[in-house]
Amino acid sequence: MSCLIINALDSLPTRSLLPLAAVSRRFRGLVGRLHYYRLVEATALQGRELILECYHPCDRVSTPSLFSKYIGTDGLAEAGEDAGLEDLNRLYSRFKLYLGDENNRPRARWPTARVTAGIEEPLAEKTPSYDVNLDADELFTQLCVVTNLVKVAPRRGLFLSIDNIGDSVVRVWRDWLREQAKRSATEQQQAEATNLDDPSILWMDASKNVGLRFRVVPKEEGQAPLLLGRDQDPPVSYTLEYQELIVRTNRLQLTLETSEAQQVAHAGKAIIIVSIT
């Protein structure tokens, strides 16, 4: 009987499946088990790539997109198939960011490679970064952050599908930059493993579905000193080094499931191929 119930439940999309956990204790266990295996499958991205766009509104055209490499999902293996739905909802998947091949062209701010001891290292090995500049008395800057799941076409630079995970604007405050720049690399490495409340993470929404973990490095200014008032904040410049992209695993799984459903619905129809630069 349990096999018949599981087969019936497995045919339901997740948004219809999860409410059935309230039917009974037995249903709650079966729903949790099915949902756990769906989350495990989602971390493989099902042949898709996770792409991040992070830019100041004025730099949208000149800032390249970043691809990601899956690092892991903290607590997924420990949770197991008997984990509760609340515990599964608190799981996050972590990704390392890097520049994709289509961005391997000369840029003033995004070099294609670095040379160490006469050996050229590929750009994917270099930690991507973004420069932030605040004028005198400017309290914050803004970053537009867009996270998409894409299915890459055989031809470079073309995507067969794009599914949005998150799209928001986040403020990067002067005080936050100053405090993070004071932290040592050791402090950040110790905090980045499992602490989702670490201040080095900028969350893109109130529900904490997508977050970016940064390392903040102050830049040395070579310009002449400015005359400032006693209570006036000076202009500052920092480099934000991308450490990790953090995505709630539930959100990742639901986006993948919606994408698959849309592809099934449009099977046999014309496919529009788009390109993002």
Protein backbone atom coordinates (compact mmCIF):
# COMPACT_ATOMS: atom_id res chain seq x y z
CA MET A 1 0.00 0.00 0.00
CA SER A 2 2.83 2.41 0.85
CA CYS A 3 4.33 1.88 -2.61
CA LEU A 4 1.03 2.78 -4.25
CA ILE A 5 0.72 5.94 -2.14
CA ILE A 6 4.33 6.95 -2.87
CA ASN A 7 3.80 6.47 -6.62
CA ALA A 8 0.67 8.60 -6.48
CA LEU A 9 2.35 11.32 -4.44
CA ASP A 10 5.46 11.30 -6.62
CA SER A 11 3.37 12.30 -9.63
CA LEU A 12 2.43 15.59 -7.94
CA PRO A 13 4.45 18.78 -8.31
CA THR A 14 6.13 19.94 -5.11
CA ARG A 15 3.76 22.87 -4.56
CA SER A 16 0.86 20.40 -4.51
CA LEU A 17 2.78 17.72 -2.63
CA LEU A 18 3.91 19.67 0.44
CA PRO A 19 0.41 20.64 1.73
CA LEU A 20 -0.49 16.92 1.92
CA ALA A 21 1.94 16.57 4.82
CA ALA A 22 -0.84 17.94 7.03
CA VAL A 23 -3.16 14.98 6.27
CA SER A 24 -1.60 12.60 8.79
CA ARG A 25 1.65 11.58 10.41
CA ARG A 26 2.08 8.84 7.81
CA PHE A 27 1.59 11.24 4.93
CA ARG A 28 4.00 13.67 6.55
CA GLY A 29 6.73 11.04 6.57
CA LEU A 30 6.10 10.03 2.96
CA VAL A 31 5.99 13.62 1.74
CA GLY A 32 9.21 14.41 3.60
CA ARG A 33 10.96 11.42 2.06
CA LEU A 34 9.92 12.34 -1.47
CA HIS A 35 10.87 15.96 -0.94
CA TYR A 36 14.30 14.98 0.39
CA TYR A 37 15.12 12.98 -2.74
CA ARG A 38 13.91 15.84 -4.93
CA LEU A 39 16.30 18.21 -3.14
CA VAL A 40 19.18 15.77 -3.64
CA GLU A 41 18.38 15.60 -7.36
CA ALA A 42 18.07 19.39 -7.60
CA THR A 43 21.66 19.94 -6.45
CA ALA A 44 22.83 18.28 -9.69
CA LEU A 45 21.09 21.17 -11.57
CA GLN A 46 19.77 18.70 -14.16
CA GLY A 47 22.08 19.81 -16.96
CA ARG A 48 21.74 23.51 -16.25
CA GLU A 49 24.12 26.27 -15.20
CA LEU A 50 23.60 28.75 -12.35
CA ILE A 51 24.52 32.26 -13.48
CA LEU A 52 24.84 35.43 -11.44
CA GLU A 53 24.60 39.01 -12.65
CA CYS A 54 25.75 41.53 -10.04
CA TYR A 55 26.31 45.13 -11.10
CA HIS A 56 25.77 48.77 -10.25
CA PRO A 57 22.85 50.18 -12.27
CA CYS A 58 25.34 52.29 -14.26
CA ASP A 59 27.58 49.29 -15.05
CA ARG A 60 25.07 46.81 -16.42
CA VAL A 61 26.56 46.67 -19.92
CA SER A 62 30.22 46.49 -18.87
CA THR A 63 29.89 43.93 -16.04
CA PRO A 64 30.09 40.28 -17.19
CA SER A 65 27.97 37.45 -15.87
CA LEU A 66 29.46 34.91 -13.48
CA PHE A 67 29.03 31.15 -13.73
CA SER A 68 29.07 28.87 -10.70
CA LYS A 69 30.48 25.55 -9.55
CA TYR A 70 28.57 23.50 -6.97
CA ILE A 71 30.41 23.20 -3.63
CA GLY A 72 27.87 21.39 -1.48
CA THR A 73 24.69 21.54 0.58
CA ASP A 74 25.44 21.73 4.29
CA GLY A 75 23.36 19.28 6.29
CA LEU A 76 21.78 17.47 3.33
CA ALA A 77 23.52 14.13 3.89
CA GLU A 78 23.01 14.36 7.65
CA ALA A 79 19.29 15.13 7.27
CA GLY A 80 18.51 11.88 5.48
CA GLU A 81 15.17 10.75 4.14
CA ASP A 82 13.55 10.93 7.59
CA ALA A 83 14.22 14.66 8.03
CA GLY A 84 11.31 16.96 8.81
CA LEU A 85 10.05 19.47 6.28
CA GLU A 86 11.16 22.35 8.51
CA ASP A 87 14.72 21.03 8.52
CA LEU A 88 14.69 20.55 4.75
CA ASN A 89 13.50 24.12 4.25
CA ARG A 90 16.57 25.37 6.15
CA LEU A 91 19.04 23.72 3.75
CA TYR A 92 21.23 25.92 1.55
CA SER A 93 23.38 25.01 -1.43
CA ARG A 94 26.69 26.80 -1.92
CA PHE A 95 28.42 27.65 -5.21
CA LYS A 96 31.83 29.02 -6.18
CA LEU A 97 31.68 31.82 -8.77
CA TYR A 98 33.93 32.23 -11.79
CA LEU A 99 34.00 33.97 -15.18
CA GLY A 100 32.61 31.99 -18.11
CA ASP A 101 34.39 31.41 -21.43
CA GLU A 102 32.26 33.95 -23.26
CA ASN A 103 33.80 36.66 -21.07
CA ASN A 104 37.37 35.73 -22.02
CA ARG A 105 38.10 38.90 -23.90
CA PRO A 106 40.22 41.88 -22.88
CA ARG A 107 38.61 44.18 -20.31
CA ALA A 108 40.10 46.92 -18.20
CA ARG A 109 38.59 45.57 -14.99
CA TRP A 110 38.25 41.87 -15.83
CA PRO A 111 41.58 40.41 -17.08
CA THR A 112 41.43 37.14 -19.01
CA ALA A 113 44.39 35.53 -17.26
CA ARG A 114 47.19 36.14 -14.80
CA VAL A 115 50.86 35.18 -15.14
CA THR A 116 52.70 33.63 -12.21
CA ALA A 117 56.33 32.51 -12.54
CA GLY A 118 56.01 32.69 -16.32
CA ILE A 119 52.95 30.40 -16.39
CA GLU A 120 49.60 31.75 -17.54
CA GLU A 121 46.75 30.67 -15.25
CA PRO A 122 43.19 30.42 -16.64
CA LEU A 123 40.72 33.07 -15.56
CA ALA A 124 38.45 30.48 -13.93
CA GLU A 125 41.12 30.09 -11.21
CA LYS A 126 41.00 33.79 -10.33
CA THR A 127 38.49 34.97 -7.73
CA PRO A 128 36.10 37.42 -9.46
CA SER A 129 35.66 40.78 -7.79
CA TYR A 130 33.82 44.07 -8.08
CA ASP A 131 35.05 47.56 -7.21
CA VAL A 132 32.89 49.80 -5.02
CA ASN A 133 33.54 53.54 -4.74
CA LEU A 134 31.74 55.88 -2.34
CA ASP A 135 32.06 59.64 -2.65
CA ALA A 136 32.39 61.91 0.37
CA ASP A 137 29.38 61.55 2.68
CA GLU A 138 27.83 58.89 0.42
CA LEU A 139 26.33 56.35 2.83
CA PHE A 140 25.77 53.43 0.45
CA THR A 141 25.86 52.18 -3.10
CA GLN A 142 23.40 49.84 -4.81
CA LEU A 143 23.91 46.54 -6.59
CA CYS A 144 21.41 44.85 -8.89
CA VAL A 145 21.59 41.09 -8.31
CA VAL A 146 19.98 38.62 -10.75
CA THR A 147 20.31 34.85 -10.33
CA ASN A 148 19.21 32.60 -13.20
CA LEU A 149 19.23 28.92 -14.08
CA VAL A 150 20.08 28.50 -17.76
CA LYS A 151 20.32 25.59 -20.15
CA VAL A 152 23.36 26.20 -22.34
CA ALA A 153 23.14 25.54 -26.09
CA PRO A 154 25.92 23.72 -27.98
CA ARG A 155 26.96 27.04 -29.51
CA ARG A 156 28.93 29.29 -27.15
CA GLY A 157 27.02 32.20 -25.64
CA LEU A 158 23.54 30.85 -26.47
CA PHE A 159 20.98 29.67 -23.93
CA LEU A 160 18.04 27.39 -24.64
CA SER A 161 16.16 28.46 -21.52
CA ILE A 162 16.43 30.98 -18.69
CA ASP A 163 14.63 30.60 -15.35
CA ASN A 164 14.88 33.28 -12.69
CA ILE A 165 15.66 32.34 -9.08
CA GLY A 166 16.05 35.84 -7.69
CA ASP A 167 16.04 39.45 -8.92
CA SER A 168 16.61 42.27 -6.46
CA VAL A 169 18.50 45.45 -5.58
CA VAL A 170 20.64 45.44 -2.45
CA ARG A 171 22.27 48.35 -0.64
CA VAL A 172 25.94 48.09 0.26
CA TRP A 173 26.46 50.40 3.24
CA ARG A 174 29.63 52.31 4.08
CA ASP A 175 29.57 51.01 7.66
CA TRP A 176 29.27 47.40 6.45
CA LEU A 177 32.21 47.85 4.10
CA ARG A 178 34.36 49.34 6.86
CA GLU A 179 33.55 46.57 9.36
CA GLN A 180 34.10 43.75 6.88
CA ALA A 181 37.41 45.22 5.74
CA LYS A 182 38.66 45.00 9.33
CA ARG A 183 38.09 41.25 9.50
CA SER A 184 41.05 39.01 8.88
CA ALA A 185 41.01 36.25 6.26
CA THR A 186 41.14 33.68 9.07
CA GLU A 187 38.00 35.09 10.71
CA GLN A 188 36.09 34.94 7.46
CA GLN A 189 37.20 31.39 6.64
CA GLN A 190 36.12 30.16 10.08
CA ALA A 191 32.69 31.75 9.72
CA GLU A 192 31.91 30.86 6.11
CA ALA A 193 31.43 27.11 6.54
CA THR A 194 27.97 26.91 8.10
CA ASN A 195 27.06 30.24 9.70
CA LEU A 196 24.28 31.76 7.61
CA ASP A 197 24.04 34.69 10.03
CA ASP A 198 27.59 35.76 9.29
CA PRO A 199 27.66 39.49 8.40
CA SER A 200 29.86 38.84 5.36
CA ILE A 201 26.72 37.53 3.60
CA LEU A 202 24.50 40.03 1.84
CA TRP A 203 21.01 38.54 1.49
CA MET A 204 19.08 39.55 -1.59
CA ASP A 205 15.61 39.27 -0.07
CA ALA A 206 13.89 39.25 3.32
CA SER A 207 13.20 35.50 3.03
CA LYS A 208 16.93 34.77 2.61
CA ASN A 209 16.54 32.71 -0.54
CA VAL A 210 19.69 34.04 -2.24
CA GLY A 211 22.81 35.42 -0.60
CA LEU A 212 26.31 36.48 -1.59
CA ARG A 213 29.31 36.04 0.68
CA PHE A 214 31.99 38.65 0.08
CA ARG A 215 35.50 39.36 1.25
CA VAL A 216 35.99 43.12 1.46
CA VAL A 217 39.46 44.49 0.67
CA PRO A 218 40.19 48.23 1.03
CA LYS A 219 41.90 49.87 -1.93
CA GLU A 220 44.83 52.21 -1.50
CA GLU A 221 44.08 55.62 -2.92
CA GLY A 222 46.81 57.40 -4.85
CA GLN A 223 44.97 60.69 -5.31
CA ALA A 224 45.82 63.95 -3.55
CA PRO A 225 44.18 64.44 -0.12
CA LEU A 226 40.87 66.28 -0.04
CA LEU A 227 39.86 69.06 2.31
CA LEU A 228 37.01 67.70 4.42
CA GLY A 229 34.97 69.02 7.30
CA ARG A 230 35.42 67.60 10.79
CA ASP A 231 32.25 65.48 10.58
CA GLN A 232 32.47 64.67 6.88
CA ASP A 233 33.12 61.12 5.67
CA PRO A 234 35.94 60.86 3.11
CA PRO A 235 35.59 59.08 -0.24
CA VAL A 236 36.50 55.38 -0.01
CA SER A 237 37.11 52.51 -2.40
CA TYR A 238 36.85 48.77 -1.76
CA THR A 239 37.11 45.57 -3.73
CA LEU A 240 34.37 43.00 -3.15
CA GLU A 241 35.76 39.51 -3.73
CA TYR A 242 33.05 36.92 -4.43
CA GLN A 243 33.48 34.02 -2.02
CA GLU A 244 30.21 32.11 -2.46
CA LEU A 245 26.74 32.24 -3.93
CA ILE A 246 24.26 30.75 -1.44
CA VAL A 247 20.81 29.56 -2.59
CA ARG A 248 18.06 28.00 -0.51
CA THR A 249 17.84 24.44 -1.83
CA ASN A 250 14.03 24.50 -1.76
CA ARG A 251 14.04 27.55 -4.04
CA LEU A 252 16.48 25.84 -6.38
CA GLN A 253 14.35 22.71 -6.57
CA LEU A 254 11.10 24.61 -7.22
CA THR A 255 12.71 26.64 -10.01
CA LEU A 256 14.03 23.49 -11.68
CA GLU A 257 10.65 21.80 -11.41
CA THR A 258 8.85 24.79 -12.92
CA SER A 259 11.35 24.90 -15.76
CA GLU A 260 10.85 21.20 -16.54
CA ALA A 261 7.08 21.62 -16.52
CA GLN A 262 7.30 24.54 -18.95
CA GLN A 263 9.51 22.57 -21.31
CA VAL A 264 7.03 19.69 -21.32
CA ALA A 265 4.17 22.11 -21.98
CA HIS A 266 6.03 23.66 -24.92
CA ALA A 267 7.29 20.39 -26.38
CA GLY A 268 6.95 20.40 -30.15
CA LYS A 269 6.63 24.17 -30.34
CA ALA A 270 9.19 26.65 -31.57
CA ILE A 271 12.18 27.21 -29.29
CA ILE A 272 13.53 30.73 -28.95
CA ILE A 273 17.28 30.79 -28.39
CA VAL A 274 18.59 33.87 -26.64
CA SER A 275 22.04 35.17 -25.98
CA ILE A 276 23.23 37.11 -22.95
CA THR A 277 26.30 39.34 -23.21
